[in-house]
N, C-alpha and C. Protein backbone atom coordinates (compact mmCIF):
# COMPACT_ATOMS: atom_id res chain seq x y z
N MET A 1 5.13 -6.58 1.58
CA MET A 1 6.39 -5.99 1.97
C MET A 1 6.62 -4.69 1.20
N ALA A 2 7.71 -4.04 1.50
CA ALA A 2 7.99 -2.71 0.94
C ALA A 2 8.79 -2.79 -0.37
N LYS A 3 8.69 -1.71 -1.14
CA LYS A 3 9.55 -1.56 -2.32
C LYS A 3 10.68 -0.62 -1.91
N ILE A 4 11.92 -1.09 -2.04
CA ILE A 4 13.08 -0.32 -1.61
C ILE A 4 13.99 -0.06 -2.80
N LEU A 5 14.35 1.21 -2.98
CA LEU A 5 15.29 1.61 -4.02
C LEU A 5 16.68 1.64 -3.40
N VAL A 6 17.61 0.90 -4.00
CA VAL A 6 19.00 0.88 -3.55
C VAL A 6 19.86 1.58 -4.60
N VAL A 7 20.55 2.64 -4.17
CA VAL A 7 21.36 3.44 -5.08
C VAL A 7 22.83 3.34 -4.67
N ASP A 8 23.66 2.74 -5.52
CA ASP A 8 25.10 2.60 -5.23
C ASP A 8 25.83 2.36 -6.53
N ASP A 9 26.97 3.03 -6.71
CA ASP A 9 27.73 2.87 -7.95
C ASP A 9 28.67 1.68 -7.91
N SER A 10 28.84 1.05 -6.75
CA SER A 10 29.70 -0.13 -6.63
C SER A 10 28.87 -1.40 -6.83
N PRO A 11 29.14 -2.18 -7.89
CA PRO A 11 28.37 -3.41 -8.10
C PRO A 11 28.43 -4.36 -6.90
N THR A 12 29.58 -4.42 -6.24
CA THR A 12 29.72 -5.30 -5.07
C THR A 12 28.82 -4.84 -3.93
N GLN A 13 28.87 -3.55 -3.62
CA GLN A 13 28.02 -3.01 -2.54
C GLN A 13 26.54 -3.14 -2.90
N LEU A 14 26.21 -2.88 -4.16
CA LEU A 14 24.82 -2.98 -4.60
C LEU A 14 24.31 -4.40 -4.41
N THR A 15 25.10 -5.37 -4.82
CA THR A 15 24.72 -6.78 -4.67
C THR A 15 24.53 -7.14 -3.21
N ASN A 16 25.45 -6.69 -2.36
CA ASN A 16 25.37 -6.98 -0.93
C ASN A 16 24.10 -6.38 -0.31
N LEU A 17 23.81 -5.12 -0.62
CA LEU A 17 22.63 -4.47 -0.07
C LEU A 17 21.34 -5.12 -0.58
N VAL A 18 21.31 -5.44 -1.86
CA VAL A 18 20.13 -6.09 -2.44
C VAL A 18 19.87 -7.44 -1.76
N LYS A 19 20.93 -8.19 -1.52
CA LYS A 19 20.79 -9.50 -0.87
C LYS A 19 20.18 -9.35 0.53
N ILE A 20 20.66 -8.37 1.28
CA ILE A 20 20.13 -8.14 2.63
C ILE A 20 18.66 -7.74 2.57
N VAL A 21 18.33 -6.80 1.69
CA VAL A 21 16.96 -6.28 1.60
C VAL A 21 16.00 -7.36 1.09
N GLN A 22 16.40 -8.08 0.05
CA GLN A 22 15.54 -9.15 -0.47
C GLN A 22 15.39 -10.28 0.54
N GLY A 23 16.41 -10.50 1.36
CA GLY A 23 16.34 -11.51 2.40
C GLY A 23 15.26 -11.23 3.42
N GLN A 24 14.85 -9.97 3.50
CA GLN A 24 13.76 -9.59 4.41
C GLN A 24 12.40 -9.60 3.70
N GLY A 25 12.41 -10.02 2.43
CA GLY A 25 11.16 -10.15 1.69
C GLY A 25 10.72 -8.90 0.96
N HIS A 26 11.57 -7.88 0.90
CA HIS A 26 11.20 -6.64 0.23
C HIS A 26 11.49 -6.73 -1.27
N ASP A 27 10.73 -5.96 -2.06
CA ASP A 27 11.00 -5.82 -3.48
C ASP A 27 12.11 -4.78 -3.61
N VAL A 28 13.00 -4.97 -4.57
CA VAL A 28 14.13 -4.06 -4.73
C VAL A 28 14.20 -3.51 -6.15
N VAL A 29 14.46 -2.22 -6.23
CA VAL A 29 14.75 -1.53 -7.48
C VAL A 29 16.15 -0.97 -7.28
N THR A 30 17.01 -1.01 -8.31
CA THR A 30 18.37 -0.51 -8.14
C THR A 30 18.71 0.60 -9.12
N ALA A 31 19.62 1.46 -8.67
CA ALA A 31 20.17 2.52 -9.51
C ALA A 31 21.67 2.56 -9.26
N SER A 32 22.45 2.89 -10.29
CA SER A 32 23.89 2.87 -10.16
C SER A 32 24.52 4.26 -10.01
N ASN A 33 23.69 5.30 -9.93
CA ASN A 33 24.20 6.64 -9.66
C ASN A 33 23.07 7.53 -9.12
N GLY A 34 23.45 8.69 -8.61
CA GLY A 34 22.47 9.57 -7.98
C GLY A 34 21.39 10.07 -8.92
N MET A 35 21.77 10.41 -10.15
CA MET A 35 20.79 10.91 -11.11
C MET A 35 19.74 9.85 -11.41
N GLU A 36 20.20 8.63 -11.64
CA GLU A 36 19.27 7.51 -11.89
C GLU A 36 18.40 7.27 -10.65
N GLY A 37 18.98 7.43 -9.48
CA GLY A 37 18.22 7.27 -8.24
C GLY A 37 17.08 8.27 -8.13
N VAL A 38 17.36 9.53 -8.47
CA VAL A 38 16.33 10.57 -8.43
C VAL A 38 15.21 10.24 -9.42
N GLN A 39 15.60 9.82 -10.64
CA GLN A 39 14.61 9.48 -11.67
C GLN A 39 13.74 8.31 -11.23
N LEU A 40 14.38 7.26 -10.66
CA LEU A 40 13.61 6.10 -10.21
C LEU A 40 12.74 6.42 -9.01
N ALA A 41 13.18 7.33 -8.15
CA ALA A 41 12.33 7.75 -7.03
C ALA A 41 11.03 8.34 -7.56
N ARG A 42 11.14 9.12 -8.62
CA ARG A 42 9.95 9.74 -9.22
C ARG A 42 9.06 8.73 -9.93
N SER A 43 9.68 7.79 -10.65
CA SER A 43 8.88 6.85 -11.45
C SER A 43 8.39 5.64 -10.67
N GLU A 44 9.16 5.18 -9.71
CA GLU A 44 8.82 3.96 -8.97
C GLU A 44 8.11 4.21 -7.64
N HIS A 45 8.26 5.40 -7.09
CA HIS A 45 7.69 5.75 -5.78
C HIS A 45 7.94 4.66 -4.74
N PRO A 46 9.23 4.37 -4.45
CA PRO A 46 9.54 3.34 -3.47
C PRO A 46 9.10 3.77 -2.07
N ASP A 47 9.02 2.79 -1.17
CA ASP A 47 8.66 3.06 0.22
C ASP A 47 9.86 3.59 1.01
N LEU A 48 11.07 3.32 0.50
CA LEU A 48 12.31 3.70 1.19
C LEU A 48 13.45 3.69 0.17
N ILE A 49 14.45 4.55 0.41
CA ILE A 49 15.64 4.58 -0.44
C ILE A 49 16.88 4.39 0.42
N LEU A 50 17.76 3.46 -0.01
CA LEU A 50 19.09 3.31 0.59
C LEU A 50 20.05 3.97 -0.39
N MET A 51 20.74 5.03 0.05
CA MET A 51 21.52 5.88 -0.85
C MET A 51 23.00 5.92 -0.46
N ASP A 52 23.86 5.56 -1.40
CA ASP A 52 25.30 5.75 -1.22
C ASP A 52 25.57 7.26 -1.31
N VAL A 53 26.72 7.69 -0.83
CA VAL A 53 27.07 9.11 -0.92
C VAL A 53 28.08 9.38 -2.02
N VAL A 54 29.18 8.62 -2.04
CA VAL A 54 30.25 8.89 -2.99
C VAL A 54 29.94 8.22 -4.33
N MET A 55 29.44 9.03 -5.26
CA MET A 55 29.07 8.53 -6.59
C MET A 55 29.39 9.62 -7.62
N PRO A 56 29.64 9.21 -8.88
CA PRO A 56 29.91 10.21 -9.93
C PRO A 56 28.64 10.98 -10.31
N GLU A 57 28.81 12.06 -11.01
CA GLU A 57 27.74 12.92 -11.51
C GLU A 57 27.02 13.62 -10.35
N LEU A 58 26.08 12.92 -9.74
CA LEU A 58 25.28 13.48 -8.66
C LEU A 58 25.54 12.63 -7.42
N ASN A 59 26.17 13.22 -6.38
CA ASN A 59 26.48 12.40 -5.21
C ASN A 59 25.22 12.16 -4.36
N GLY A 60 25.36 11.33 -3.37
CA GLY A 60 24.20 10.94 -2.55
C GLY A 60 23.61 12.09 -1.76
N PHE A 61 24.45 13.03 -1.31
CA PHE A 61 23.91 14.20 -0.61
C PHE A 61 23.04 15.03 -1.56
N GLN A 62 23.54 15.25 -2.78
CA GLN A 62 22.79 16.03 -3.76
C GLN A 62 21.49 15.32 -4.16
N ALA A 63 21.58 14.01 -4.39
CA ALA A 63 20.40 13.24 -4.79
C ALA A 63 19.36 13.23 -3.66
N THR A 64 19.83 13.07 -2.43
CA THR A 64 18.91 13.07 -1.28
C THR A 64 18.20 14.42 -1.18
N ARG A 65 18.96 15.50 -1.36
CA ARG A 65 18.37 16.84 -1.31
C ARG A 65 17.30 17.00 -2.39
N LYS A 66 17.60 16.55 -3.62
CA LYS A 66 16.62 16.64 -4.71
C LYS A 66 15.35 15.85 -4.37
N ILE A 67 15.52 14.65 -3.85
CA ILE A 67 14.38 13.78 -3.54
C ILE A 67 13.55 14.35 -2.40
N THR A 68 14.21 14.80 -1.33
CA THR A 68 13.46 15.25 -0.15
C THR A 68 12.85 16.63 -0.33
N ARG A 69 13.30 17.38 -1.33
CA ARG A 69 12.75 18.72 -1.55
C ARG A 69 11.76 18.77 -2.71
N ASP A 70 11.59 17.67 -3.42
CA ASP A 70 10.64 17.59 -4.53
C ASP A 70 9.29 17.14 -3.96
N PRO A 71 8.23 17.94 -4.14
CA PRO A 71 6.92 17.57 -3.58
C PRO A 71 6.45 16.17 -4.01
N GLU A 72 6.89 15.73 -5.19
CA GLU A 72 6.48 14.42 -5.70
C GLU A 72 7.14 13.26 -4.95
N THR A 73 8.33 13.51 -4.38
CA THR A 73 9.08 12.43 -3.74
C THR A 73 9.45 12.73 -2.28
N SER A 74 9.03 13.88 -1.76
CA SER A 74 9.48 14.30 -0.42
C SER A 74 9.02 13.38 0.70
N SER A 75 8.00 12.56 0.46
CA SER A 75 7.52 11.66 1.51
C SER A 75 8.31 10.35 1.56
N ILE A 76 9.24 10.15 0.63
CA ILE A 76 10.03 8.91 0.61
C ILE A 76 11.23 9.08 1.54
N PRO A 77 11.33 8.25 2.58
CA PRO A 77 12.48 8.35 3.48
C PRO A 77 13.76 7.85 2.82
N VAL A 78 14.88 8.51 3.13
CA VAL A 78 16.18 8.15 2.59
C VAL A 78 17.12 7.81 3.74
N ILE A 79 17.76 6.63 3.65
CA ILE A 79 18.81 6.25 4.59
C ILE A 79 20.12 6.27 3.80
N LEU A 80 21.08 7.05 4.27
CA LEU A 80 22.38 7.09 3.62
C LEU A 80 23.22 5.91 4.11
N VAL A 81 23.81 5.17 3.17
CA VAL A 81 24.68 4.03 3.49
C VAL A 81 26.01 4.33 2.81
N THR A 82 27.02 4.67 3.61
CA THR A 82 28.23 5.25 3.03
C THR A 82 29.50 4.91 3.81
N THR A 83 30.62 5.09 3.14
CA THR A 83 31.93 4.93 3.80
C THR A 83 32.32 6.20 4.54
N LYS A 84 31.63 7.30 4.30
CA LYS A 84 31.96 8.58 4.95
C LYS A 84 31.54 8.48 6.42
N ASP A 85 32.53 8.42 7.31
CA ASP A 85 32.24 8.11 8.70
C ASP A 85 32.44 9.27 9.68
N GLN A 86 32.55 10.49 9.18
CA GLN A 86 32.73 11.64 10.06
C GLN A 86 31.38 12.16 10.55
N GLU A 87 31.36 12.65 11.77
CA GLU A 87 30.13 13.22 12.34
C GLU A 87 29.60 14.36 11.47
N THR A 88 30.50 15.15 10.89
CA THR A 88 30.06 16.26 10.04
C THR A 88 29.32 15.74 8.80
N ASP A 89 29.73 14.58 8.28
CA ASP A 89 29.04 13.98 7.14
C ASP A 89 27.63 13.56 7.53
N LYS A 90 27.51 12.97 8.72
CA LYS A 90 26.19 12.54 9.20
C LYS A 90 25.27 13.75 9.37
N VAL A 91 25.78 14.81 9.98
CA VAL A 91 24.98 16.02 10.18
C VAL A 91 24.56 16.61 8.83
N TRP A 92 25.51 16.65 7.88
CA TRP A 92 25.21 17.18 6.55
C TRP A 92 24.15 16.32 5.86
N GLY A 93 24.26 15.00 6.00
CA GLY A 93 23.26 14.11 5.43
C GLY A 93 21.87 14.37 5.99
N GLU A 94 21.79 14.57 7.29
CA GLU A 94 20.50 14.88 7.92
C GLU A 94 19.96 16.21 7.42
N ARG A 95 20.85 17.17 7.20
CA ARG A 95 20.41 18.48 6.68
C ARG A 95 19.87 18.36 5.26
N GLN A 96 20.31 17.34 4.53
CA GLN A 96 19.81 17.13 3.17
C GLN A 96 18.46 16.40 3.19
N GLY A 97 18.07 15.90 4.36
CA GLY A 97 16.77 15.25 4.49
C GLY A 97 16.82 13.78 4.82
N ALA A 98 18.02 13.21 4.97
CA ALA A 98 18.12 11.77 5.28
C ALA A 98 17.58 11.49 6.68
N VAL A 99 16.92 10.34 6.82
CA VAL A 99 16.36 9.93 8.12
C VAL A 99 17.25 8.94 8.85
N GLY A 100 18.32 8.51 8.18
CA GLY A 100 19.24 7.56 8.80
C GLY A 100 20.60 7.64 8.13
N TYR A 101 21.61 7.14 8.84
CA TYR A 101 22.99 7.20 8.33
C TYR A 101 23.71 5.96 8.81
N ILE A 102 24.10 5.10 7.89
CA ILE A 102 24.77 3.84 8.25
C ILE A 102 26.12 3.79 7.54
N ILE A 103 27.16 3.42 8.31
CA ILE A 103 28.52 3.34 7.77
C ILE A 103 28.73 1.98 7.10
N LYS A 104 29.37 2.01 5.91
CA LYS A 104 29.72 0.78 5.19
C LYS A 104 31.00 0.19 5.76
N PRO A 105 31.15 -1.11 5.69
CA PRO A 105 30.11 -2.06 5.29
C PRO A 105 29.08 -2.18 6.41
N PRO A 106 27.80 -2.19 6.05
CA PRO A 106 26.78 -2.22 7.09
C PRO A 106 26.71 -3.58 7.79
N GLN A 107 26.49 -3.52 9.09
CA GLN A 107 26.16 -4.75 9.81
C GLN A 107 24.74 -5.10 9.38
N GLU A 108 24.53 -6.32 8.95
CA GLU A 108 23.21 -6.71 8.45
C GLU A 108 22.12 -6.41 9.48
N SER A 109 22.37 -6.73 10.74
CA SER A 109 21.36 -6.52 11.79
C SER A 109 21.05 -5.03 11.97
N GLU A 110 22.08 -4.18 11.88
CA GLU A 110 21.87 -2.74 12.02
C GLU A 110 21.05 -2.19 10.86
N LEU A 111 21.38 -2.64 9.65
CA LEU A 111 20.66 -2.19 8.46
C LEU A 111 19.20 -2.63 8.52
N ILE A 112 18.96 -3.88 8.85
CA ILE A 112 17.58 -4.40 8.94
C ILE A 112 16.80 -3.65 10.01
N ALA A 113 17.43 -3.41 11.16
CA ALA A 113 16.76 -2.69 12.24
C ALA A 113 16.36 -1.29 11.80
N LYS A 114 17.27 -0.60 11.09
CA LYS A 114 16.98 0.76 10.65
C LYS A 114 15.87 0.78 9.59
N ILE A 115 15.93 -0.18 8.67
CA ILE A 115 14.87 -0.28 7.64
C ILE A 115 13.52 -0.49 8.32
N ASN A 116 13.48 -1.43 9.27
CA ASN A 116 12.21 -1.72 9.96
C ASN A 116 11.72 -0.51 10.76
N GLU A 117 12.66 0.19 11.39
CA GLU A 117 12.29 1.39 12.17
C GLU A 117 11.67 2.44 11.25
N VAL A 118 12.31 2.69 10.12
CA VAL A 118 11.84 3.74 9.21
C VAL A 118 10.51 3.35 8.56
N LEU A 119 10.37 2.08 8.21
CA LEU A 119 9.12 1.64 7.57
C LEU A 119 7.98 1.52 8.58
N GLY A 120 8.34 1.48 9.87
CA GLY A 120 7.32 1.44 10.91
C GLY A 120 6.68 0.09 11.00
């Protein structure tokens, strides 16, 4: 199965996402902010990243941009999982390099389908 990095500053959301991902048999690495997410992307080389947007220090848009523009991590797909539900947010996320955009709280079936689609 895949190694998935889950980045979220909310312990409740992090626990929920980890439970869904582990329920599909994937290995999970977690980060509690964008900066930690960028560092773990470099050190862990996950197969996929689930990234929150609204976080302190480095938000999910900024972290996604750093990951997708760094030659060392640019091949790692990022799915944004966020409460930001405006079309402009989705477009901005895609411009930062995200391959998917899911509104919180995620429907488990939608999240699993998107993970499977991205992992191929």
